[in-house]
């Protein structure tokens, strides 16, 4: 990866973080404050939220300073997915909108990656979401319909974001050089 590509990747990471981090903080904070889950769900959720804030702030500052490359971007993507999965598992029984945390990783992948990678990530995360729901115990067909709709939303929205990102990259390449 050349320096221009790496700089572009860093700008994308900062862009994703600018919008995804506040949404994640809002979802978890509102989930904890409004649903008032019992212990240890409260502690796990707040602890992982604080970890996520510190980890993302640290990684973005390293990326901006040029002290890390694409490896940190990928590590950040998977660390956030792991943290978000645990939060959705524990807090999801109290605060249903928290499932949106799982959409963030496929959305970020859609901005950085290829269509194939975006599809793979969105399918994997959708299966993860359905798996979390299944582990909590079978519920009504209505509940399953809601979960399947959320999974399909993740897949289709990720593919849409990927297509829009590809169009933007294509349009940027076709612009005359600035100078």
Protein backbone atom coordinates (compact mmCIF):
# COMPACT_ATOMS: atom_id res chain seq x y z
CA UNK A 1 0.00 0.00 0.00
CA UNK A 2 1.49 3.35 -0.99
CA UNK A 3 1.44 6.43 1.21
CA UNK A 4 -1.48 8.02 -0.65
CA UNK A 5 -3.62 4.88 -0.23
CA UNK A 6 -2.67 4.63 3.44
CA UNK A 7 -3.56 8.29 3.99
CA UNK A 8 -6.92 7.68 2.29
CA UNK A 9 -7.55 4.66 4.53
CA UNK A 10 -6.77 6.77 7.61
CA UNK A 11 -9.20 9.48 6.45
CA UNK A 12 -11.87 6.81 5.97
CA UNK A 13 -11.19 5.38 9.45
CA UNK A 14 -11.52 8.85 10.98
CA UNK A 15 -14.72 9.46 9.01
CA UNK A 16 -16.29 6.19 10.15
CA UNK A 17 -15.24 6.86 13.73
CA UNK A 18 -16.71 10.38 13.63
CA UNK A 19 -20.19 8.98 13.06
CA UNK A 20 -20.09 5.43 14.44
CA UNK A 21 -18.59 6.20 17.85
CA UNK A 22 -21.26 8.71 18.93
CA UNK A 23 -24.00 6.32 17.80
CA UNK A 24 -22.44 3.46 19.76
CA UNK A 25 -22.07 5.63 22.86
CA UNK A 26 -25.66 6.84 22.55
CA UNK A 27 -27.07 3.34 22.09
CA UNK A 28 -25.25 1.85 25.06
CA UNK A 29 -25.66 4.85 27.38
CA UNK A 30 -29.39 5.12 26.67
CA UNK A 31 -29.74 1.36 27.00
CA UNK A 32 -28.15 1.36 30.42
CA UNK A 33 -29.83 4.52 31.69
CA UNK A 34 -33.33 3.86 30.39
CA UNK A 35 -33.63 0.10 30.77
CA UNK A 36 -31.71 -0.11 34.05
CA UNK A 37 -30.48 -3.68 33.57
CA UNK A 38 -29.61 -5.80 36.55
CA UNK A 39 -26.08 -6.55 37.64
CA UNK A 40 -23.73 -7.68 35.99
CA UNK A 41 -25.26 -6.49 32.67
CA UNK A 42 -24.93 -2.87 33.77
CA UNK A 43 -21.26 -3.25 34.68
CA UNK A 44 -20.39 -5.25 31.56
CA UNK A 45 -22.12 -2.72 29.29
CA UNK A 46 -20.52 0.33 30.89
CA UNK A 47 -17.11 -1.35 31.09
CA UNK A 48 -17.17 -2.32 27.42
CA UNK A 49 -18.45 1.12 26.45
CA UNK A 50 -15.55 2.78 28.28
CA UNK A 51 -13.08 0.30 26.79
CA UNK A 52 -14.46 1.03 23.31
CA UNK A 53 -14.15 4.79 23.76
CA UNK A 54 -10.55 4.53 24.99
CA UNK A 55 -9.54 1.95 22.37
CA UNK A 56 -11.07 3.89 19.48
CA UNK A 57 -9.64 7.21 20.66
CA UNK A 58 -6.19 5.64 21.03
CA UNK A 59 -6.31 3.92 17.64
CA UNK A 60 -7.57 7.00 15.79
CA UNK A 61 -4.89 9.17 17.39
CA UNK A 62 -2.21 6.65 16.30
CA UNK A 63 -3.61 6.56 12.78
CA UNK A 64 -3.74 10.36 12.53
CA UNK A 65 -0.16 10.60 13.78
CA UNK A 66 0.95 8.14 11.11
CA UNK A 67 2.22 5.62 13.68
CA UNK A 68 0.06 2.76 12.45
CA UNK A 69 -1.18 1.37 9.20
CA UNK A 70 -3.91 -0.75 7.73
CA UNK A 71 -3.31 -3.48 10.30
CA UNK A 72 -4.60 -1.25 13.06
CA UNK A 73 -7.65 -0.36 10.96
CA UNK A 74 -8.47 -4.06 10.61
CA UNK A 75 -7.75 -4.78 14.28
CA UNK A 76 -10.03 -1.90 15.22
CA UNK A 77 -12.79 -3.27 13.00
CA UNK A 78 -12.69 -6.73 14.57
CA UNK A 79 -12.18 -5.47 18.14
CA UNK A 80 -15.25 -3.26 17.79
CA UNK A 81 -17.23 -6.20 16.38
CA UNK A 82 -16.22 -8.37 19.35
CA UNK A 83 -17.08 -5.68 21.90
CA UNK A 84 -20.38 -4.87 20.16
CA UNK A 85 -21.33 -8.55 20.03
CA UNK A 86 -20.88 -8.94 23.78
CA UNK A 87 -22.86 -5.75 24.45
CA UNK A 88 -25.69 -6.86 22.15
CA UNK A 89 -25.77 -10.28 23.81
CA UNK A 90 -26.03 -8.89 27.34
CA UNK A 91 -27.87 -5.58 26.88
CA UNK A 92 -30.13 -6.72 24.01
CA UNK A 93 -32.57 -8.39 26.39
CA UNK A 94 -33.16 -5.01 28.03
CA UNK A 95 -32.70 -2.51 25.21
CA UNK A 96 -33.70 -3.81 21.78
CA UNK A 97 -32.25 -0.92 19.68
CA UNK A 98 -28.75 -2.02 20.72
CA UNK A 99 -28.75 -4.46 17.76
CA UNK A 100 -27.76 -1.45 15.65
CA UNK A 101 -24.25 -1.78 17.09
CA UNK A 102 -23.79 -4.90 14.98
CA UNK A 103 -24.60 -2.96 11.80
CA UNK A 104 -21.60 -0.67 12.31
CA UNK A 105 -18.95 -3.23 11.31
CA UNK A 106 -20.55 -4.17 7.97
CA UNK A 107 -21.16 -0.48 7.27
CA UNK A 108 -17.48 0.28 7.88
CA UNK A 109 -16.48 -2.70 5.75
CA UNK A 110 -18.73 -1.35 3.00
CA UNK A 111 -16.78 1.90 2.98
CA UNK A 112 -13.31 0.27 3.02
CA UNK A 113 -13.82 -3.02 1.23
CA UNK A 114 -14.94 -4.76 -1.89
CA UNK A 115 -18.49 -5.87 -2.60
CA UNK A 116 -17.53 -9.49 -1.88
CA UNK A 117 -15.97 -8.59 1.47
CA UNK A 118 -18.95 -6.40 2.35
CA UNK A 119 -21.36 -9.22 1.54
CA UNK A 120 -19.33 -11.71 3.58
CA UNK A 121 -19.13 -9.38 6.59
CA UNK A 122 -22.81 -8.41 6.46
CA UNK A 123 -23.89 -12.06 6.12
CA UNK A 124 -21.62 -13.07 9.00
CA UNK A 125 -22.87 -10.31 11.26
CA UNK A 126 -26.49 -11.05 10.33
CA UNK A 127 -25.96 -14.70 11.28
CA UNK A 128 -24.33 -13.52 14.50
CA UNK A 129 -27.38 -11.38 15.28
CA UNK A 130 -29.74 -14.29 14.61
CA UNK A 131 -27.50 -16.57 16.67
CA UNK A 132 -27.61 -14.22 19.65
CA UNK A 133 -31.39 -14.17 19.37
CA UNK A 134 -31.55 -17.98 19.12
CA UNK A 135 -29.33 -18.43 22.20
CA UNK A 136 -31.73 -16.30 24.21
CA UNK A 137 -34.43 -18.87 23.44
CA UNK A 138 -37.04 -19.35 20.76
CA UNK A 139 -39.69 -16.69 20.79
CA UNK A 140 -42.77 -16.04 18.67
CA UNK A 141 -42.78 -15.95 14.86
CA UNK A 142 -43.30 -12.18 15.16
CA UNK A 143 -40.04 -11.84 17.12
CA UNK A 144 -38.20 -13.96 14.56
CA UNK A 145 -39.66 -11.83 11.78
CA UNK A 146 -38.29 -8.73 13.45
CA UNK A 147 -34.84 -10.32 13.78
CA UNK A 148 -34.80 -11.51 10.17
CA UNK A 149 -35.84 -8.01 9.04
CA UNK A 150 -32.94 -6.52 11.02
CA UNK A 151 -30.52 -9.03 9.47
CA UNK A 152 -31.75 -8.24 5.96
CA UNK A 153 -31.45 -4.52 6.74
CA UNK A 154 -27.79 -5.02 7.67
CA UNK A 155 -27.08 -6.92 4.44
CA UNK A 156 -28.91 -4.60 2.04
CA UNK A 157 -27.79 -1.37 3.69
CA UNK A 158 -24.17 -2.55 3.68
CA UNK A 159 -24.35 -3.37 -0.01
CA UNK A 160 -25.94 0.02 -0.71
CA UNK A 161 -23.20 1.83 1.20
CA UNK A 162 -20.58 -0.20 -0.67
CA UNK A 163 -22.09 0.72 -4.04
CA UNK A 164 -22.28 4.40 -3.07
CA UNK A 165 -18.68 4.31 -1.85
CA UNK A 166 -17.56 2.72 -5.12
CA UNK A 167 -19.45 5.37 -7.11
CA UNK A 168 -17.82 8.15 -5.08
CA UNK A 169 -14.36 6.65 -5.64
CA UNK A 170 -15.06 6.31 -9.36
CA UNK A 171 -16.30 9.90 -9.59
CA UNK A 172 -13.24 11.16 -7.72
CA UNK A 173 -10.91 9.33 -10.12
CA UNK A 174 -12.64 10.88 -13.13
CA UNK A 175 -12.20 14.45 -11.89
CA UNK A 176 -9.44 16.48 -13.54
CA UNK A 177 -6.26 16.81 -11.47
CA UNK A 178 -6.20 19.73 -9.07
CA UNK A 179 -3.34 22.08 -9.33
